[in-house]
Amino acid sequence: MYRTYYSLSTRPFSKEIKTHNLFESDNFKETISRLNYLKTTRGIGVIVGESGCGKTSALRAFADNLNSSLFKVIYSPHSTGSVMDFYRNIATGLGEKPVFRKSALFKQIQAAISNYYVEKNVTPVFIMDEMHLSSNKFLNELSILFNFSMDSKNPFVLILSGLSFFLDKLNLNQNQSLTQRVVMKYHMIPLTKDEVEKYIEHHLQLAGSNNAIFTPGAIEAITSNSRGLPRLVNSLATNSLLIGCQMKADSINEEVVFKASEEVGL
């Protein structure tokens, strides 16, 4: 409905955006730079930030740009299942048929990782999301599973992503064996006001818009209510377009944004 009214070819703030079309803020570029460093050094890296700040989008962009002949990506969206569930998921991702006993499954996974790296010249890249939900027991299992040749080799890349307080969990004494092996940590931050404006313009242009649909006042209101978090910017901008269409408004001003904020509970 609003697409026709505002002459848009697609939904401009959809999460289905292709990674090559993602808006590259300074923070996004730095995140990719840190991940590329980890790709080169191998080992364990940590990416944290507020919910909706763009962690998963950055990880998706990083994974999509990896050379599939040199890297194999295994993504795990959560870490709240049992250790055996986790082991089976990792083994399956590595192309193995999981065995039943935990000790045998442990050896199977380590052998598969080593085989990829040594025999196939392929580095397995494990991306684990929502790590703030993980238990200390689970983190201890990670430390043990990803310890190769008495911790003298890193034939893998392991990326742990979660909300900001995941760093506090890592700093607990019982998790030091894992924390001390982390070679890269980065805390993603929200978009600045200028970046929110450029972000909205970028997405509207991708949707075929040649006009400034959002007024400066609307941009300020979106920045304030979203706190610069891309996910909330998307929600506010989309609802503002819906309300603007219903009101038959030629442009989106701060009044429309405030109404949209009430609807989405911000």
Protein backbone atom coordinates (compact mmCIF):
# COMPACT_ATOMS: atom_id res chain seq x y z
CA MET A 1 0.00 0.00 0.00
CA TYR A 2 2.58 2.60 1.05
CA ARG A 3 4.97 1.40 -1.66
CA THR A 4 2.61 2.56 -4.39
CA TYR A 5 1.78 5.82 -2.60
CA TYR A 6 5.45 6.77 -2.17
CA SER A 7 6.56 5.29 -5.52
CA LEU A 8 8.77 2.61 -4.00
CA SER A 9 9.71 -0.54 -5.93
CA THR A 10 10.38 -2.64 -2.82
CA ARG A 11 9.97 -2.47 0.95
CA PRO A 12 12.90 -0.20 1.85
CA PHE A 13 13.43 -1.33 5.44
CA SER A 14 13.02 -5.09 5.10
CA LYS A 15 15.41 -7.39 6.95
CA GLU A 16 15.63 -9.45 3.76
CA ILE A 17 18.11 -6.99 2.26
CA LYS A 18 21.04 -8.56 0.43
CA THR A 19 24.34 -8.25 2.28
CA HIS A 20 26.00 -6.31 -0.55
CA ASN A 21 23.30 -3.64 -0.11
CA LEU A 22 23.77 -3.20 3.65
CA PHE A 23 24.51 0.33 4.84
CA GLU A 24 28.15 0.54 5.83
CA SER A 25 28.42 2.76 8.88
CA ASP A 26 31.83 3.41 10.44
CA ASN A 27 30.98 0.85 13.11
CA PHE A 28 29.93 -1.73 10.52
CA LYS A 29 33.20 -1.25 8.62
CA GLU A 30 35.22 -1.62 11.81
CA THR A 31 33.35 -4.80 12.72
CA ILE A 32 34.11 -6.32 9.32
CA SER A 33 37.74 -5.22 9.68
CA ARG A 34 38.01 -6.97 13.07
CA LEU A 35 36.41 -10.11 11.66
CA ASN A 36 38.80 -10.11 8.71
CA TYR A 37 41.69 -9.85 11.17
CA LEU A 38 40.29 -12.89 12.99
CA LYS A 39 39.98 -14.72 9.67
CA THR A 40 43.70 -14.19 9.11
CA THR A 41 44.92 -15.07 12.62
CA ARG A 42 42.28 -17.77 13.29
CA GLY A 43 41.14 -18.62 16.81
CA ILE A 44 38.34 -17.19 18.94
CA GLY A 45 36.68 -13.79 18.54
CA VAL A 46 33.82 -12.03 20.36
CA ILE A 47 31.30 -9.53 18.94
CA VAL A 48 28.85 -7.89 21.36
CA GLY A 49 26.37 -5.02 21.31
CA GLU A 50 22.80 -3.97 22.12
CA SER A 51 19.92 -5.92 20.64
CA GLY A 52 19.23 -4.57 17.16
CA CYS A 53 22.60 -2.87 16.66
CA GLY A 54 23.45 -4.96 13.58
CA LYS A 55 25.59 -7.82 14.90
CA THR A 56 23.87 -10.53 12.88
CA SER A 57 23.86 -8.42 9.72
CA ALA A 58 27.61 -7.84 10.04
CA LEU A 59 28.22 -11.54 10.64
CA ARG A 60 26.08 -12.41 7.63
CA ALA A 61 28.00 -9.96 5.45
CA PHE A 62 31.31 -11.36 6.68
CA ALA A 63 30.22 -14.96 6.01
CA ASP A 64 28.84 -14.17 2.55
CA ASN A 65 32.18 -12.67 1.52
CA LEU A 66 34.28 -15.67 2.57
CA ASN A 67 35.83 -17.73 -0.22
CA SER A 68 33.88 -20.99 -0.10
CA SER A 69 36.90 -22.91 -1.39
CA LEU A 70 38.95 -21.77 1.62
CA PHE A 71 36.37 -21.46 4.41
CA LYS A 72 33.41 -23.55 5.59
CA VAL A 73 30.82 -21.68 7.66
CA ILE A 74 28.80 -23.45 10.37
CA TYR A 75 26.20 -21.16 11.98
CA SER A 76 24.51 -21.85 15.32
CA PRO A 77 21.72 -19.37 16.18
CA HIS A 78 21.49 -20.23 19.89
CA SER A 79 23.40 -21.89 22.69
CA THR A 80 20.72 -22.95 25.16
CA GLY A 81 20.38 -26.62 24.20
CA SER A 82 22.26 -29.49 25.77
CA VAL A 83 25.96 -30.00 25.20
CA MET A 84 25.18 -33.16 23.21
CA ASP A 85 22.76 -31.20 21.00
CA PHE A 86 25.53 -28.69 20.37
CA TYR A 87 28.08 -31.40 19.58
CA ARG A 88 25.67 -33.11 17.18
CA ASN A 89 24.93 -29.80 15.43
CA ILE A 90 28.65 -29.10 15.01
CA ALA A 91 29.36 -32.61 13.72
CA THR A 92 26.48 -32.42 11.24
CA GLY A 93 27.66 -28.99 10.07
CA LEU A 94 31.06 -30.52 9.38
CA GLY A 95 29.43 -33.18 7.22
CA GLU A 96 29.78 -35.96 9.78
CA LYS A 97 27.20 -38.48 10.96
CA PRO A 98 27.26 -37.90 14.74
CA VAL A 99 28.23 -40.87 16.88
CA PHE A 100 26.40 -41.51 20.15
CA ARG A 101 28.92 -41.34 22.98
CA LYS A 102 30.08 -37.89 24.06
CA SER A 103 33.78 -38.76 24.21
CA ALA A 104 33.65 -40.31 20.74
CA LEU A 105 31.68 -37.34 19.40
CA PHE A 106 34.28 -34.98 20.83
CA LYS A 107 37.06 -36.83 19.00
CA GLN A 108 34.97 -36.99 15.83
CA ILE A 109 34.53 -33.21 15.78
CA GLN A 110 38.19 -32.44 16.45
CA ALA A 111 39.26 -34.93 13.77
CA ALA A 112 36.83 -33.39 11.27
CA ILE A 113 38.11 -29.86 11.97
CA SER A 114 41.72 -30.99 11.61
CA ASN A 115 40.90 -32.85 8.41
CA TYR A 116 39.33 -29.76 6.84
CA TYR A 117 42.30 -27.61 7.78
CA VAL A 118 45.19 -30.00 7.08
CA GLU A 119 43.91 -32.24 4.29
CA LYS A 120 41.50 -29.94 2.45
CA ASN A 121 43.17 -26.60 3.21
CA VAL A 122 39.78 -25.30 4.36
CA THR A 123 39.30 -23.39 7.62
CA PRO A 124 36.03 -24.14 9.45
CA VAL A 125 34.35 -20.91 10.62
CA PHE A 126 31.92 -21.41 13.51
CA ILE A 127 29.51 -18.51 14.14
CA MET A 128 27.58 -18.79 17.39
CA ASP A 129 24.83 -16.26 18.10
CA GLU A 130 22.92 -15.34 21.28
CA MET A 131 25.89 -16.37 23.43
CA HIS A 132 24.68 -14.23 26.35
CA LEU A 133 22.16 -17.03 26.96
CA SER A 134 24.84 -19.68 27.33
CA SER A 135 25.65 -21.32 30.65
CA ASN A 136 29.10 -21.36 32.23
CA LYS A 137 29.14 -25.13 31.69
CA PHE A 138 28.56 -24.59 27.99
CA LEU A 139 31.40 -22.04 27.78
CA ASN A 140 33.68 -24.52 29.52
CA GLU A 141 32.78 -27.14 26.90
CA LEU A 142 33.72 -24.66 24.17
CA SER A 143 37.09 -24.10 25.80
CA ILE A 144 37.78 -27.84 25.83
CA LEU A 145 36.41 -28.62 22.35
CA PHE A 146 38.41 -25.88 20.64
CA ASN A 147 41.72 -26.77 22.27
CA PHE A 148 43.98 -28.36 19.67
CA SER A 149 47.46 -29.86 20.19
CA MET A 150 47.70 -28.57 23.77
CA ASP A 151 46.49 -25.14 22.58
CA SER A 152 49.39 -24.76 20.13
CA LYS A 153 47.24 -24.65 16.97
CA ASN A 154 44.10 -22.85 15.78
CA PRO A 155 42.76 -24.78 12.76
CA PHE A 156 39.45 -22.91 13.00
CA VAL A 157 37.71 -19.56 13.46
CA LEU A 158 35.15 -19.37 16.28
CA ILE A 159 33.00 -16.22 16.55
CA LEU A 160 30.90 -15.75 19.69
CA SER A 161 28.21 -13.09 19.37
CA GLY A 162 25.80 -11.79 22.00
CA LEU A 163 24.45 -8.88 24.00
CA SER A 164 26.89 -6.57 25.75
CA PHE A 165 26.69 -8.30 29.12
CA PHE A 166 28.16 -11.45 27.56
CA LEU A 167 31.55 -9.81 28.25
CA ASP A 168 30.72 -9.79 31.98
CA LYS A 169 30.02 -13.53 31.82
CA LEU A 170 33.32 -14.15 30.04
CA ASN A 171 35.17 -12.26 32.77
CA LEU A 172 33.98 -14.62 35.50
CA ASN A 173 36.74 -16.71 37.06
CA GLN A 174 35.21 -19.99 35.90
CA ASN A 175 35.38 -18.83 32.28
CA GLN A 176 38.98 -17.63 32.23
CA SER A 177 40.21 -20.67 30.31
CA LEU A 178 38.06 -19.53 27.39
CA THR A 179 38.49 -15.78 27.84
CA GLN A 180 42.29 -15.95 27.84
CA ARG A 181 42.21 -17.57 24.41
CA VAL A 182 40.07 -14.85 22.80
CA VAL A 183 42.20 -13.02 20.23
CA MET A 184 39.64 -10.39 19.17
CA LYS A 185 36.85 -8.55 21.01
CA TYR A 186 34.66 -5.81 19.58
CA HIS A 187 31.69 -3.92 20.99
CA MET A 188 29.33 -2.65 18.28
CA ILE A 189 27.62 0.70 18.88
CA PRO A 190 24.45 2.32 17.45
CA LEU A 191 24.33 4.66 14.46
CA THR A 192 25.02 8.36 14.97
CA LYS A 193 22.40 10.98 14.00
CA ASP A 194 24.17 11.66 10.70
CA GLU A 195 24.38 7.95 10.02
CA VAL A 196 20.66 7.46 10.73
CA GLU A 197 19.90 10.07 8.06
CA LYS A 198 22.27 8.42 5.57
CA TYR A 199 20.91 5.00 6.52
CA ILE A 200 17.33 6.05 5.70
CA GLU A 201 18.40 7.72 2.46
CA HIS A 202 20.38 4.63 1.48
CA HIS A 203 17.43 2.30 1.97
CA LEU A 204 14.99 4.60 0.18
CA GLN A 205 17.34 4.86 -2.79
CA LEU A 206 17.61 1.07 -2.94
CA ALA A 207 13.79 1.02 -3.10
CA GLY A 208 13.81 3.41 -6.06
CA SER A 209 12.96 6.67 -4.31
CA ASN A 210 14.33 9.90 -5.73
CA ASN A 211 12.65 12.15 -3.16
CA ALA A 212 13.41 13.07 0.46
CA ILE A 213 10.34 11.40 1.97
CA PHE A 214 11.43 12.01 5.58
CA THR A 215 11.78 15.60 6.80
CA PRO A 216 14.76 16.67 8.97
CA GLY A 217 12.40 16.74 11.96
CA ALA A 218 11.32 13.18 11.23
CA ILE A 219 14.95 12.06 11.05
CA GLU A 220 15.63 13.63 14.46
CA ALA A 221 12.57 11.92 15.93
CA ILE A 222 13.58 8.53 14.53
CA THR A 223 17.12 8.96 15.82
CA SER A 224 15.89 9.86 19.30
CA ASN A 225 13.27 7.12 19.58
CA SER A 226 15.38 4.36 18.01
CA ARG A 227 18.59 5.32 19.88
CA GLY A 228 20.34 4.70 16.57
CA LEU A 229 19.65 0.96 16.57
CA PRO A 230 19.11 -0.16 12.94
CA ARG A 231 16.38 -2.67 13.82
CA LEU A 232 14.34 0.04 15.56
CA VAL A 233 15.07 2.52 12.76
CA ASN A 234 13.62 -0.02 10.33
CA SER A 235 10.52 -0.53 12.47
CA LEU A 236 9.89 3.18 13.00
CA ALA A 237 10.52 4.12 9.38
CA THR A 238 8.23 1.37 8.09
CA ASN A 239 5.39 2.24 10.47
CA SER A 240 5.84 5.93 9.66
CA LEU A 241 5.40 5.16 5.95
CA LEU A 242 2.24 3.17 6.72
CA ILE A 243 0.77 5.99 8.82
CA GLY A 244 1.87 8.63 6.31
CA CYS A 245 0.09 6.74 3.57
CA GLN A 246 -3.08 6.46 5.65
CA MET A 247 -2.92 10.23 6.30
CA LYS A 248 -2.15 10.86 2.60
CA ALA A 249 0.90 12.88 3.67
CA ASP A 250 3.32 13.86 0.92
CA SER A 251 6.22 13.55 3.35
CA ILE A 252 6.90 12.04 6.76
CA ASN A 253 7.31 14.61 9.53
CA GLU A 254 7.98 14.28 13.26
CA GLU A 255 4.25 14.09 14.05
CA VAL A 256 3.93 10.95 11.93
CA VAL A 257 7.03 9.45 13.56
CA PHE A 258 5.64 10.10 17.06
CA LYS A 259 2.44 8.27 16.10
CA ALA A 260 4.49 5.40 14.72
CA SER A 261 6.52 5.32 17.96
CA GLU A 262 3.34 4.94 20.00
CA GLU A 263 2.19 2.07 17.80
CA VAL A 264 5.44 0.13 18.16
CA GLY A 265 5.72 0.91 21.87
CA LEU A 266 8.75 3.22 21.87
